[in-house]
C-alpha atoms as a PDB file:
ATOM      1  CA  MET A   1     278.947 155.774 162.230  1.00  0.00           C
ATOM      2  CA  SER A   2     278.234 158.950 160.328  1.00  0.00           C
ATOM      3  CA  THR A   3     274.734 160.328 159.992  1.00  0.00           C
ATOM      4  CA  THR A   4     275.021 160.225 156.196  1.00  0.00           C
ATOM      5  CA  TYR A   5     276.025 156.537 156.225  1.00  0.00           C
ATOM      6  CA  TYR A   6     273.065 155.679 158.497  1.00  0.00           C
ATOM      7  CA  ILE A   7     270.577 157.506 156.287  1.00  0.00           C
ATOM      8  CA  LEU A   8     271.887 155.891 153.068  1.00  0.00           C
ATOM      9  CA  THR A   9     271.898 152.422 154.654  1.00  0.00           C
ATOM     10  CA  HIS A  10     268.330 152.892 155.930  1.00  0.00           C
ATOM     11  CA  MET A  11     267.133 154.068 152.481  1.00  0.00           C
ATOM     12  CA  PHE A  12     268.784 151.123 150.764  1.00  0.00           C
ATOM     13  CA  ARG A  13     267.171 148.636 153.135  1.00  0.00           C
ATOM     14  CA  LYS A  14     263.770 150.305 152.709  1.00  0.00           C
ATOM     15  CA  LYS A  15     264.014 150.221 148.874  1.00  0.00           C
ATOM     16  CA  ALA A  16     265.278 146.651 148.887  1.00  0.00           C
ATOM     17  CA  SER A  17     262.413 145.622 151.143  1.00  0.00           C
ATOM     18  CA  LYS A  18     259.956 147.327 148.790  1.00  0.00           C
ATOM     19  CA  ARG A  19     261.443 145.549 145.769  1.00  0.00           C
ATOM     20  CA  VAL A  20     261.148 142.207 147.544  1.00  0.00           C
ATOM     21  CA  SER A  21     257.503 142.948 148.413  1.00  0.00           C
ATOM     22  CA  VAL A  22     256.713 143.819 144.781  1.00  0.00           C
ATOM     23  CA  ALA A  23     258.483 140.691 143.553  1.00  0.00           C
ATOM     24  CA  LEU A  24     256.582 138.529 146.043  1.00  0.00           C
ATOM     25  CA  ALA A  25     253.269 140.096 145.000  1.00  0.00           C
ATOM     26  CA  ALA A  26     254.044 139.401 141.336  1.00  0.00           C
ATOM     27  CA  LEU A  27     254.971 135.816 142.154  1.00  0.00           C
ATOM     28  CA  LEU A  28     251.754 135.285 144.110  1.00  0.00           C
ATOM     29  CA  LEU A  29     249.664 136.728 141.286  1.00  0.00           C
ATOM     30  CA  ALA A  30     251.394 134.507 138.764  1.00  0.00           C
ATOM     31  CA  SER A  31     250.849 131.357 140.822  1.00  0.00           C
ATOM     32  CA  THR A  32     247.256 132.141 141.834  1.00  0.00           C
ATOM     33  CA  PRO A  33     244.571 130.647 139.487  1.00  0.00           C
ATOM     34  CA  GLN A  34     242.964 133.451 137.522  1.00  0.00           C
ATOM     35  CA  PRO A  35     239.193 133.886 137.911  1.00  0.00           C
ATOM     36  CA  SER A  36     237.048 132.313 135.222  1.00  0.00           C
ATOM     37  CA  TYR A  37     234.809 134.344 132.925  1.00  0.00           C
ATOM     38  CA  GLY A  38     231.877 135.877 134.775  1.00  0.00           C
ATOM     39  CA  ASP A  39     233.683 135.203 138.073  1.00  0.00           C
ATOM     40  CA  SER A  40     235.590 138.417 138.813  1.00  0.00           C
ATOM     41  CA  PHE A  41     237.621 138.180 142.052  1.00  0.00           C
ATOM     42  CA  PHE A  42     236.600 141.626 143.258  1.00  0.00           C
ATOM     43  CA  SER A  43     232.930 141.432 142.331  1.00  0.00           C
ATOM     44  CA  ASN A  44     229.996 139.469 143.620  1.00  0.00           C
ATOM     45  CA  THR A  45     228.269 139.506 140.263  1.00  0.00           C
ATOM     46  CA  ILE A  46     228.879 138.049 136.824  1.00  0.00           C
ATOM     47  CA  ASP A  47     230.162 140.274 134.031  1.00  0.00           C
ATOM     48  CA  LYS A  48     227.773 142.573 132.191  1.00  0.00           C
ATOM     49  CA  SER A  49     227.851 140.511 128.974  1.00  0.00           C
ATOM     50  CA  PRO A  50     228.509 136.882 128.059  1.00  0.00           C
ATOM     51  CA  VAL A  51     231.250 135.642 125.791  1.00  0.00           C
ATOM     52  CA  PHE A  52     229.513 135.917 122.425  1.00  0.00           C
ATOM     53  CA  SER A  53     229.462 133.165 119.832  1.00  0.00           C
ATOM     54  CA  LYS A  54     231.875 133.580 116.930  1.00  0.00           C
ATOM     55  CA  GLU A  55     229.642 131.678 114.516  1.00  0.00           C
ATOM     56  CA  LEU A  56     226.637 132.717 112.427  1.00  0.00           C
ATOM     57  CA  SER A  57     224.375 130.338 110.496  1.00  0.00           C
ATOM     58  CA  VAL A  58     222.294 131.899 107.714  1.00  0.00           C
ATOM     59  CA  TYR A  59     219.566 129.734 106.144  1.00  0.00           C
ATOM     60  CA  LEU A  60     218.433 130.763 102.658  1.00  0.00           C
ATOM     61  CA  LEU A  61     215.139 129.001 101.944  1.00  0.00           C
ATOM     62  CA  ASP A  62     213.559 128.823  98.500  1.00  0.00           C
ATOM     63  CA  LEU A  63     209.952 130.064  98.576  1.00  0.00           C
ATOM     64  CA  SER A  64     209.266 129.590  94.854  1.00  0.00           C
ATOM     65  CA  GLY A  65     207.409 126.332  95.456  1.00  0.00           C
ATOM     66  CA  SER A  66     209.758 124.440  93.143  1.00  0.00           C
ATOM     67  CA  VAL A  67     211.165 122.349  95.996  1.00  0.00           C
ATOM     68  CA  ASP A  68     209.327 119.898  98.248  1.00  0.00           C
ATOM     69  CA  GLY A  69     207.693 122.008 100.960  1.00  0.00           C
ATOM     70  CA  GLU A  70     207.204 119.116 103.393  1.00  0.00           C
ATOM     71  CA  ILE A  71     210.917 118.366 103.466  1.00  0.00           C
ATOM     72  CA  VAL A  72     211.726 122.051 103.876  1.00  0.00           C
ATOM     73  CA  MET A  73     209.315 122.286 106.827  1.00  0.00           C
ATOM     74  CA  SER A  74     210.860 119.195 108.410  1.00  0.00           C
ATOM     75  CA  GLY A  75     214.306 120.722 108.088  1.00  0.00           C
ATOM     76  CA  PHE A  76     213.061 124.010 109.485  1.00  0.00           C
ATOM     77  CA  GLU A  77     211.890 122.205 112.620  1.00  0.00           C
ATOM     78  CA  ASN A  78     215.455 120.973 113.026  1.00  0.00           C
ATOM     79  CA  ILE A  79     216.679 124.582 112.927  1.00  0.00           C
ATOM     80  CA  ARG A  80     214.311 125.224 115.823  1.00  0.00           C
ATOM     81  CA  ALA A  81     215.901 122.258 117.622  1.00  0.00           C
ATOM     82  CA  ASN A  82     219.345 123.751 117.012  1.00  0.00           C
ATOM     83  CA  VAL A  83     218.254 126.970 118.725  1.00  0.00           C
ATOM     84  CA  ALA A  84     216.713 124.989 121.592  1.00  0.00           C
ATOM     85  CA  ASN A  85     220.065 123.223 122.087  1.00  0.00           C
ATOM     86  CA  VAL A  86     222.264 126.242 121.390  1.00  0.00           C
ATOM     87  CA  TYR A  87     223.667 126.290 124.940  1.00  0.00           C
ATOM     88  CA  ILE A  88     224.386 122.593 125.471  1.00  0.00           C
ATOM     89  CA  SER A  89     228.156 123.102 125.166  1.00  0.00           C
ATOM     90  CA  ALA A  90     228.161 126.577 126.745  1.00  0.00           C
ATOM     91  CA  ASP A  91     229.713 127.199 130.153  1.00  0.00           C
ATOM     92  CA  ALA A  92     229.433 130.545 131.949  1.00  0.00           C
ATOM     93  CA  LYS A  93     232.382 129.893 134.264  1.00  0.00           C
ATOM     94  CA  LYS A  94     234.728 128.787 131.494  1.00  0.00           C
ATOM     95  CA  GLY A  95     233.601 131.404 129.000  1.00  0.00           C
ATOM     96  CA  LEU A  96     232.269 128.873 126.478  1.00  0.00           C
ATOM     97  CA  PRO A  97     229.629 130.627 124.329  1.00  0.00           C
ATOM     98  CA  ALA A  98     226.441 129.634 122.530  1.00  0.00           C
ATOM     99  CA  ALA A  99     227.075 127.377 119.531  1.00  0.00           C
ATOM    100  CA  SER A 100     225.904 129.885 116.909  1.00  0.00           C
ATOM    101  CA  TYR A 101     223.475 132.662 116.064  1.00  0.00           C
ATOM    102  CA  TYR A 102     220.830 132.054 113.405  1.00  0.00           C
ATOM    103  CA  GLN A 103     219.179 134.038 110.614  1.00  0.00           C
ATOM    104  CA  TRP A 104     216.719 133.251 107.828  1.00  0.00           C
ATOM    105  CA  ILE A 105     216.638 134.815 104.356  1.00  0.00           C
ATOM    106  CA  PRO A 106     213.885 133.956 101.848  1.00  0.00           C
ATOM    107  CA  ILE A 107     214.801 133.331  98.205  1.00  0.00           C
ATOM    108  CA  ARG A 108     211.953 134.836  96.219  1.00  0.00           C
ATOM    109  CA  GLY A 109     211.300 136.663  92.962  1.00  0.00           C
ATOM    110  CA  SER A 110     213.437 139.528  91.713  1.00  0.00           C
ATOM    111  CA  GLU A 111     210.821 142.070  92.785  1.00  0.00           C
ATOM    112  CA  ALA A 112     211.056 141.046  96.421  1.00  0.00           C
ATOM    113  CA  ASN A 113     213.274 142.515  99.086  1.00  0.00           C
ATOM    114  CA  SER A 114     214.822 139.415 100.645  1.00  0.00           C
ATOM    115  CA  ALA A 115     215.610 140.994 103.990  1.00  0.00           C
ATOM    116  CA  SER A 116     217.022 138.724 106.663  1.00  0.00           C
ATOM    117  CA  LEU A 117     214.983 137.777 109.700  1.00  0.00           C
ATOM    118  CA  PRO A 118     216.849 137.009 112.929  1.00  0.00           C
ATOM    119  CA  LEU A 119     215.987 133.733 114.595  1.00  0.00           C
ATOM    120  CA  PHE A 120     218.401 133.758 117.519  1.00  0.00           C
ATOM    121  CA  THR A 121     220.812 136.668 117.872  1.00  0.00           C
ATOM    122  CA  GLU A 122     223.632 138.146 119.900  1.00  0.00           C
ATOM    123  CA  GLU A 123     221.041 140.492 121.434  1.00  0.00           C
ATOM    124  CA  ASP A 124     218.917 137.543 122.592  1.00  0.00           C
ATOM    125  CA  ASP A 125     222.000 135.912 124.074  1.00  0.00           C
ATOM    126  CA  ALA A 126     222.935 139.103 125.925  1.00  0.00           C
ATOM    127  CA  ALA A 127     219.370 139.582 127.187  1.00  0.00           C
ATOM    128  CA  LEU A 128     219.264 136.079 128.667  1.00  0.00           C
ATOM    129  CA  TRP A 129     222.585 136.693 130.370  1.00  0.00           C
ATOM    130  CA  SER A 130     221.367 140.046 131.747  1.00  0.00           C
ATOM    131  CA  SER A 131     218.206 138.430 133.094  1.00  0.00           C
ATOM    132  CA  ALA A 132     220.364 136.377 135.480  1.00  0.00           C
ATOM    133  CA  ARG A 133     221.988 139.561 136.808  1.00  0.00           C
ATOM    134  CA  VAL A 134     218.756 140.695 138.479  1.00  0.00           C
ATOM    135  CA  ILE A 135     219.385 137.962 141.054  1.00  0.00           C
ATOM    136  CA  LYS A 136     221.768 138.931 143.848  1.00  0.00           C
ATOM    137  CA  GLY A 137     224.990 137.018 144.323  1.00  0.00           C
ATOM    138  CA  LYS A 138     227.371 135.525 141.819  1.00  0.00           C
ATOM    139  CA  SER A 139     226.742 131.942 142.906  1.00  0.00           C
ATOM    140  CA  ASN A 140     222.979 132.382 142.410  1.00  0.00           C
ATOM    141  CA  GLN A 141     223.516 134.016 139.010  1.00  0.00           C
ATOM    142  CA  LEU A 142     225.737 131.175 137.826  1.00  0.00           C
ATOM    143  CA  LEU A 143     223.169 128.688 139.133  1.00  0.00           C
ATOM    144  CA  VAL A 144     220.443 130.400 137.082  1.00  0.00           C
ATOM    145  CA  LEU A 145     222.604 130.339 133.937  1.00  0.00           C
ATOM    146  CA  SER A 146     223.342 126.665 134.499  1.00  0.00           C
ATOM    147  CA  LYS A 147     219.639 125.825 134.822  1.00  0.00           C
ATOM    148  CA  LEU A 148     218.870 127.892 131.734  1.00  0.00           C
ATOM    149  CA  ARG A 149     221.582 126.400 129.556  1.00  0.00           C
ATOM    150  CA  GLU A 150     221.980 122.741 130.555  1.00  0.00           C
ATOM    151  CA  ARG A 151     220.690 119.874 128.412  1.00  0.00           C
ATOM    152  CA  ASN A 152     216.899 119.795 128.864  1.00  0.00           C
ATOM    153  CA  GLY A 153     217.255 123.041 130.808  1.00  0.00           C
ATOM    154  CA  LEU A 154     214.780 125.909 130.833  1.00  0.00           C
ATOM    155  CA  TRP A 155     215.824 127.420 127.487  1.00  0.00           C
ATOM    156  CA  GLY A 156     215.342 124.109 125.691  1.00  0.00           C
ATOM    157  CA  GLN A 157     212.028 123.547 127.455  1.00  0.00           C
ATOM    158  CA  LEU A 158     210.687 126.949 126.441  1.00  0.00           C
ATOM    159  CA  MET A 159     211.712 126.455 122.801  1.00  0.00           C
ATOM    160  CA  ASN A 160     210.071 123.021 122.624  1.00  0.00           C
ATOM    161  CA  TYR A 161     206.988 123.596 124.796  1.00  0.00           C
ATOM    162  CA  GLN A 162     203.759 123.017 122.891  1.00  0.00           C
ATOM    163  CA  GLY A 163     201.412 125.992 123.147  1.00  0.00           C
ATOM    164  CA  LEU A 164     203.705 128.226 125.187  1.00  0.00           C
ATOM    165  CA  SER A 165     202.062 131.521 126.175  1.00  0.00           C
ATOM    166  CA  ALA A 166     202.796 134.466 128.423  1.00  0.00           C
ATOM    167  CA  ALA A 167     200.491 132.903 131.011  1.00  0.00           C
ATOM    168  CA  ASN A 168     201.927 129.383 131.224  1.00  0.00           C
ATOM    169  CA  CYS A 169     205.548 130.394 130.569  1.00  0.00           C
ATOM    170  CA  MET A 170     205.903 131.886 134.049  1.00  0.00           C
ATOM    171  CA  SER A 171     204.862 128.593 135.594  1.00  0.00           C
ATOM    172  CA  VAL A 172     207.336 126.615 133.470  1.00  0.00           C
ATOM    173  CA  ALA A 173     210.139 129.050 134.336  1.00  0.00           C
ATOM    174  CA  TYR A 174     209.314 128.979 138.045  1.00  0.00           C
ATOM    175  CA  GLN A 175     209.426 125.181 138.194  1.00  0.00           C
ATOM    176  CA  ALA A 176     212.751 125.044 136.354  1.00  0.00           C
ATOM    177  CA  LEU A 177     214.547 127.826 138.243  1.00  0.00           C
ATOM    178  CA  ARG A 178     213.147 127.560 141.761  1.00  0.00           C
ATOM    179  CA  ASN A 179     215.803 127.223 144.417  1.00  0.00           C
ATOM    180  CA  PRO A 180     215.990 128.085 148.160  1.00  0.00           C
ATOM    181  CA  GLY A 181     218.233 131.078 147.355  1.00  0.00           C
ATOM    182  CA  LEU A 182     215.879 132.493 144.718  1.00  0.00           C
ATOM    183  CA  SER A 183     212.685 134.296 145.708  1.00  0.00           C
ATOM    184  CA  GLY A 184     210.865 137.615 145.847  1.00  0.00           C
ATOM    185  CA  ASN A 185     210.500 140.308 143.219  1.00  0.00           C
ATOM    186  CA  ALA A 186     213.939 139.647 141.722  1.00  0.00           C
ATOM    187  CA  PHE A 187     212.997 136.031 141.054  1.00  0.00           C
ATOM    188  CA  LYS A 188     209.692 137.106 139.509  1.00  0.00           C
ATOM    189  CA  SER A 189     211.537 139.629 137.331  1.00  0.00           C
ATOM    190  CA  LEU A 190     213.960 136.907 136.238  1.00  0.00           C
ATOM    191  CA  ASN A 191     211.120 134.631 135.123  1.00  0.00           C
ATOM    192  CA  THR A 192     209.373 137.501 133.328  1.00  0.00           C
ATOM    193  CA  ASN A 193     212.528 138.493 131.427  1.00  0.00           C
ATOM    194  CA  VAL A 194     213.365 134.938 130.356  1.00  0.00           C
ATOM    195  CA  CYS A 195     209.794 134.372 129.161  1.00  0.00           C
ATOM    196  CA  THR A 196     209.807 137.626 127.198  1.00  0.00           C
ATOM    197  CA  ILE A 197     212.946 136.563 125.329  1.00  0.00           C
ATOM    198  CA  ALA A 198     211.694 133.027 124.699  1.00  0.00           C
ATOM    199  CA  LEU A 199     208.332 134.201 123.383  1.00  0.00           C
ATOM    200  CA  ARG A 200     210.071 136.737 121.130  1.00  0.00           C
ATOM    201  CA  VAL A 201     212.302 134.064 119.580  1.00  0.00           C
ATOM    202  CA  ARG A 202     209.365 131.687 119.163  1.00  0.00           C
ATOM    203  CA  ALA A 203     207.351 134.446 117.448  1.00  0.00           C
ATOM    204  CA  ARG A 204     210.078 134.745 114.814  1.00  0.00           C
ATOM    205  CA  PHE A 205     209.948 131.018 114.130  1.00  0.00           C
ATOM    206  CA  SER A 206     206.167 131.210 113.848  1.00  0.00           C
ATOM    207  CA  MET A 207     206.511 134.025 111.304  1.00  0.00           C
ATOM    208  CA  VAL A 208     208.936 131.994 109.170  1.00  0.00           C
ATOM    209  CA  GLN A 209     206.752 128.896 109.446  1.00  0.00           C
ATOM    210  CA  ALA A 210     203.728 130.873 108.267  1.00  0.00           C
ATOM    211  CA  ASN A 211     205.729 132.101 105.259  1.00  0.00           C
ATOM    212  CA  LEU A 212     206.909 128.609 104.380  1.00  0.00           C
ATOM    213  CA  GLU A 213     203.380 127.244 104.557  1.00  0.00           C
ATOM    214  CA  ALA A 214     201.968 130.143 102.511  1.00  0.00           C
ATOM    215  CA  PHE A 215     204.492 129.716  99.696  1.00  0.00           C
ATOM    216  CA  THR A 216     205.514 126.024  99.671  1.00  0.00           C
ATOM    217  CA  SER A 217     202.515 123.978 100.878  1.00  0.00           C
ATOM    218  CA  LYS A 218     200.534 121.779  98.486  1.00  0.00           C
ATOM    219  CA  ASN A 219     197.863 124.489  98.363  1.00  0.00           C
ATOM    220  CA  PRO A 220     199.881 127.717  98.592  1.00  0.00           C
ATOM    221  CA  THR A 221     198.142 130.996  99.337  1.00  0.00           C
ATOM    222  CA  LYS A 222     201.057 133.097  98.025  1.00  0.00           C
ATOM    223  CA  LYS A 223     203.301 132.866  94.977  1.00  0.00           C
ATOM    224  CA  THR A 224     206.568 134.398  93.914  1.00  0.00           C
ATOM    225  CA  THR A 225     207.247 135.583  90.369  1.00  0.00           C
ATOM    226  CA  GLY A 226     210.462 133.580  90.137  1.00  0.00           C
ATOM    227  CA  THR A 227     213.543 132.475  92.027  1.00  0.00           C
ATOM    228  CA  ASP A 228     216.162 135.184  92.323  1.00  0.00           C
ATOM    229  CA  VAL A 229     219.093 133.068  93.523  1.00  0.00           C
ATOM    230  CA  LEU A 230     221.755 135.271  91.905  1.00  0.00           C
ATOM    231  CA  GLY A 231     220.178 138.446  93.269  1.00  0.00           C
ATOM    232  CA  THR A 232     220.066 137.003  96.783  1.00  0.00           C
ATOM    233  CA  ILE A 233     223.735 136.034  96.574  1.00  0.00           C
ATOM    234  CA  ARG A 234     224.622 139.494  95.259  1.00  0.00           C
ATOM    235  CA  LYS A 235     222.911 141.137  98.235  1.00  0.00           C
ATOM    236  CA  LEU A 236     224.756 138.821 100.629  1.00  0.00           C
ATOM    237  CA  GLU A 237     228.019 139.661  98.932  1.00  0.00           C
ATOM    238  CA  ASP A 238     227.337 143.398  99.236  1.00  0.00           C
ATOM    239  CA  VAL A 239     226.753 142.975 102.967  1.00  0.00           C
ATOM    240  CA  ALA A 240     229.932 140.906 103.325  1.00  0.00           C
ATOM    241  CA  ARG A 241     231.929 143.489 101.388  1.00  0.00           C
ATOM    242  CA  ASN A 242     230.589 146.683 102.975  1.00  0.00           C
ATOM    243  CA  SER A 243     229.376 145.862 106.473  1.00  0.00           C
ATOM    244  CA  SER A 244     231.469 145.663 109.632  1.00  0.00           C
ATOM    245  CA  SER A 245     228.784 143.568 111.353  1.00  0.00           C
ATOM    246  CA  LEU A 246     230.416 140.316 110.231  1.00  0.00           C
ATOM    247  CA  ALA A 247     233.819 141.249 111.676  1.00  0.00           C
ATOM    248  CA  ARG A 248     232.844 139.769 115.044  1.00  0.00           C
ATOM    249  CA  TYR A 249     232.540 136.255 113.586  1.00  0.00           C
ATOM    250  CA  LYS A 250     235.160 133.626 112.817  1.00  0.00           C
ATOM    251  CA  LYS A 251     232.768 131.521 110.721  1.00  0.00           C
ATOM    252  CA  VAL A 252     229.651 132.405 108.718  1.00  0.00           C
ATOM    253  CA  ARG A 253     227.739 129.450 107.285  1.00  0.00           C
ATOM    254  CA  LEU A 254     225.477 130.097 104.305  1.00  0.00           C
ATOM    255  CA  ILE A 255     223.027 127.195 103.996  1.00  0.00           C
ATOM    256  CA  PHE A 256     221.015 127.211 100.775  1.00  0.00           C
ATOM    257  CA  VAL A 257     217.837 125.120 100.705  1.00  0.00           C
ATOM    258  CA  SER A 258     216.957 125.438  97.026  1.00  0.00           C
ATOM    259  CA  ASP A 259     217.146 123.751  93.642  1.00  0.00           C
ATOM    260  CA  MET A 260     219.428 126.731  92.768  1.00  0.00           C
ATOM    261  CA  ILE A 261     217.651 127.217  89.420  1.00  0.00           C
ATOM    262  CA  HIS A 262     217.606 130.983  89.029  1.00  0.00           C
ATOM    263  CA  GLN A 263     214.476 132.074  87.160  1.00  0.00           C
ATOM    264  CA  THR A 264     213.536 135.744  86.716  1.00  0.00           C
ATOM    265  CA  GLY A 265     212.267 137.865  83.864  1.00  0.00           C
ATOM    266  CA  LEU A 266     215.848 138.691  82.889  1.00  0.00           C
ATOM    267  CA  VAL A 267     217.581 135.320  83.318  1.00  0.00           C
ATOM    268  CA  ASP A 268     216.131 131.813  83.159  1.00  0.00           C
ATOM    269  CA  LEU A 269     218.966 129.497  84.130  1.00  0.00           C
ATOM    270  CA  LYS A 270     216.954 126.420  83.254  1.00  0.00           C
ATOM    271  CA  THR A 271     216.649 127.582  79.641  1.00  0.00           C
ATOM    272  CA  LYS A 272     220.243 128.779  79.407  1.00  0.00           C
ATOM    273  CA  LEU A 273     221.670 125.505  80.706  1.00  0.00           C
ATOM    274  CA  ALA A 274     219.509 123.206  78.578  1.00  0.00           C
ATOM    275  CA  GLY A 275     221.754 121.014  76.430  1.00  0.00           C
ATOM    276  CA  LEU A 276     225.033 122.481  77.729  1.00  0.00           C
ATOM    277  CA  SER A 277     227.981 120.393  78.845  1.00  0.00           C
ATOM    278  CA  PRO A 278     229.350 120.984  82.364  1.00  0.00           C
ATOM    279  CA  SER A 279     232.357 122.830  80.874  1.00  0.00           C
ATOM    280  CA  ASP A 280     230.109 125.124  78.809  1.00  0.00           C
ATOM    281  CA  ALA A 281     227.969 125.729  81.909  1.00  0.00           C
ATOM    282  CA  CYS A 282     231.162 126.590  83.789  1.00  0.00           C
ATOM    283  CA  ALA A 283     232.028 129.201  81.160  1.00  0.00           C
ATOM    284  CA  LEU A 284     228.499 130.621  81.447  1.00  0.00           C
ATOM    285  CA  SER A 285     228.807 130.958  85.221  1.00  0.00           C
ATOM    286  CA  LYS A 286     231.741 133.324  84.861  1.00  0.00           C
ATOM    287  CA  THR A 287     229.367 135.826  83.257  1.00  0.00           C
ATOM    288  CA  TYR A 288     227.552 136.057  86.591  1.00  0.00           C
ATOM    289  CA  SER A 289     230.533 135.787  88.964  1.00  0.00           C
ATOM    290  CA  SER A 290     232.995 138.115  87.277  1.00  0.00           C
ATOM    291  CA  THR A 291     232.844 140.908  89.870  1.00  0.00           C
ATOM    292  CA  ALA A 292     235.439 140.881  92.641  1.00  0.00           C
ATOM    293  CA  SER A 293     234.381 138.528  95.396  1.00  0.00           C
ATOM    294  CA  GLY A 294     233.005 139.969  98.607  1.00  0.00           C
ATOM    295  CA  PHE A 295     233.276 136.594 100.345  1.00  0.00           C
ATOM    296  CA  GLU A 296     236.369 136.094 102.472  1.00  0.00           C
ATOM    297  CA  LYS A 297     237.558 132.504 102.023  1.00  0.00           C
ATOM    298  CA  SER A 298     238.517 131.946 105.662  1.00  0.00           C
ATOM    299  CA  LEU A 299     235.189 133.296 106.946  1.00  0.00           C
ATOM    300  CA  PHE A 300     232.490 131.729 104.749  1.00  0.00           C
ATOM    301  CA  ASP A 301     231.340 128.135 104.365  1.00  0.00           C
ATOM    302  CA  ILE A 302     228.659 127.227 101.814  1.00  0.00           C
ATOM    303  CA  THR A 303     226.284 124.245 101.917  1.00  0.00           C
ATOM    304  CA  ILE A 304     223.609 123.564  99.278  1.00  0.00           C
ATOM    305  CA  TYR A 305     220.655 121.272  99.951  1.00  0.00           C
ATOM    306  CA  GLY A 306     218.568 120.196  96.963  1.00  0.00           C
ATOM    307  CA  LEU A 307     220.591 121.267  93.898  1.00  0.00           C
ATOM    308  CA  GLY A 308     218.459 120.493  90.831  1.00  0.00           C
ATOM    309  CA  GLU A 309     215.780 118.740  92.901  1.00  0.00           C
ATOM    310  CA  GLN A 310     212.616 120.281  91.543  1.00  0.00           C
ATOM    311  CA  ARG A 311     209.327 119.283  93.055  1.00  0.00           C
ATOM    312  CA  GLU A 312     207.986 117.315  90.088  1.00  0.00           C
ATOM    313  CA  LYS A 313     209.907 114.022  89.950  1.00  0.00           C
ATOM    314  CA  ARG A 314     207.761 111.845  87.669  1.00  0.00           C
ATOM    315  CA  GLY A 315     207.632 111.143  83.956  1.00  0.00           C
ATOM    316  CA  SER A 316     209.193 113.564  81.513  1.00  0.00           C
ATOM    317  CA  ALA A 317     209.811 116.131  84.303  1.00  0.00           C
ATOM    318  CA  ALA A 318     212.028 113.640  86.123  1.00  0.00           C
ATOM    319  CA  VAL A 319     213.992 112.965  82.931  1.00  0.00           C
ATOM    320  CA  ALA A 320     214.426 116.707  82.323  1.00  0.00           C
ATOM    321  CA  ASN A 321     215.633 117.227  85.904  1.00  0.00           C
ATOM    322  CA  GLU A 322     218.166 114.427  85.503  1.00  0.00           C
ATOM    323  CA  ARG A 323     219.536 115.943  82.305  1.00  0.00           C
ATOM    324  CA  LEU A 324     219.738 119.397  83.863  1.00  0.00           C
ATOM    325  CA  TYR A 325     221.802 118.325  86.873  1.00  0.00           C
ATOM    326  CA  PRO A 326     225.297 117.995  85.231  1.00  0.00           C
ATOM    327  CA  PRO A 327     225.339 121.495  83.675  1.00  0.00           C
ATOM    328  CA  LEU A 328     223.668 122.966  86.786  1.00  0.00           C
ATOM    329  CA  ARG A 329     226.342 121.420  88.985  1.00  0.00           C
ATOM    330  CA  GLY A 330     229.052 122.627  86.596  1.00  0.00           C
ATOM    331  CA  PHE A 331     227.606 126.144  86.744  1.00  0.00           C
ATOM    332  CA  TRP A 332     227.599 126.378  90.535  1.00  0.00           C
ATOM    333  CA  ASP A 333     230.939 124.600  90.979  1.00  0.00           C
ATOM    334  CA  CYS A 334     232.588 127.246  88.826  1.00  0.00           C
ATOM    335  CA  PHE A 335     230.517 130.119  90.220  1.00  0.00           C
ATOM    336  CA  TRP A 336     231.709 129.520  93.790  1.00  0.00           C
ATOM    337  CA  THR A 337     235.252 128.757  92.695  1.00  0.00           C
ATOM    338  CA  GLN A 338     235.302 132.116  90.914  1.00  0.00           C
ATOM    339  CA  LYS A 339     234.202 133.684  94.202  1.00  0.00           C
ATOM    340  CA  GLY A 340     237.106 131.993  96.014  1.00  0.00           C
ATOM    341  CA  LEU A 341     234.859 129.471  97.789  1.00  0.00           C
ATOM    342  CA  LYS A 342     235.392 126.118  96.127  1.00  0.00           C
ATOM    343  CA  LEU A 343     232.785 123.736  97.522  1.00  0.00           C
ATOM    344  CA  PRO A 344     233.823 120.175  98.372  1.00  0.00           C
ATOM    345  CA  GLU A 345     231.598 117.331  97.206  1.00  0.00           C
ATOM    346  CA  SER A 346     230.252 116.886 100.751  1.00  0.00           C
ATOM    347  CA  GLU A 347     228.664 120.364 100.713  1.00  0.00           C
ATOM    348  CA  PHE A 348     226.323 119.484  97.826  1.00  0.00           C
ATOM    349  CA  ARG A 349     223.651 117.583  99.750  1.00  0.00           C
ATOM    350  CA  THR A 350     220.266 116.108  98.926  1.00  0.00           C
ATOM    351  CA  LEU A 351     217.135 117.982  99.927  1.00  0.00           C
ATOM    352  CA  ASN A 352     216.012 114.964 101.922  1.00  0.00           C
ATOM    353  CA  SER A 353     219.134 115.194 104.108  1.00  0.00           C
ATOM    354  CA  PHE A 354     218.078 118.702 105.143  1.00  0.00           C
ATOM    355  CA  GLY A 355     214.807 117.261 106.370  1.00  0.00           C
ATOM    356  CA  GLN A 356     216.729 114.684 108.375  1.00  0.00           C
ATOM    357  CA  SER A 357     219.484 116.788 109.893  1.00  0.00           C
ATOM    358  CA  GLY A 358     218.526 120.470 109.570  1.00  0.00           C
END
């Protein structure tokens, strides 16, 4: 056997063996179950960030006092319940995220800057996830997340706890999260971080509640100079058209809690619609929806609670409200259709149903 033949044969066998090894490795990788989210094979810790929710719920609440404040407050408490239960269907191992993030926008007079106020955000979600990372060991971290997120778990308890404070929150957190594998400074830091986030979210709800009571209670301490529904929608549309912040979402729900009767110094919809037929009201709406829509049809859903339901429901006021409803409905039907967001009948809901379901 020649030396050249031996060398070539040896090289061939070596390369063939290498190809077989690579093929076997690929086959093993393909047949091996892939690690779940937050469960990296080569790491003993969960990922740096959770899978974020792809849904955003924006509540636009009328502060003009023209709608029943008690019902609005009842519905607002149900928003709080939604945030308390935001993780019920979440699963850290499977990468199932929080149900939604939540914001509140007041509908006030035309002079007011109706800036949004976050209620529960992507940042809050990430902070809760990061709080679990202070604990050593992936199994302990996943255990913490499970105890935080499960039905009646710590997050729900902290959102619903009456009179929660920085002092008693630590005790509540300790009781909910205690486990033989969790102790020391890391465990104390975990409880502190979770309480900080919970108290921050609750403070936002308290701020909104104070605003609702100030503007919509039977004896309000503050008043708006009108109801700038069209201006609020225009600002939303500008954000939708020009901001990249909504690109992360697959669904944005705009939930209006308002009689939707725009009244400012420039436009009084109640006066303009008086005596009009629904078709004439439809034609009028196109005056206010003629600009190119900033709302992407596949992204936005609209729900309206309380269309035409003004606070005064007795005597001549009740009769006037009843007469106003057909043209008001015609106006908003055509307005949203012009914006590419035709609303089905089911999305025009009574104010009372907001109080019942939030």
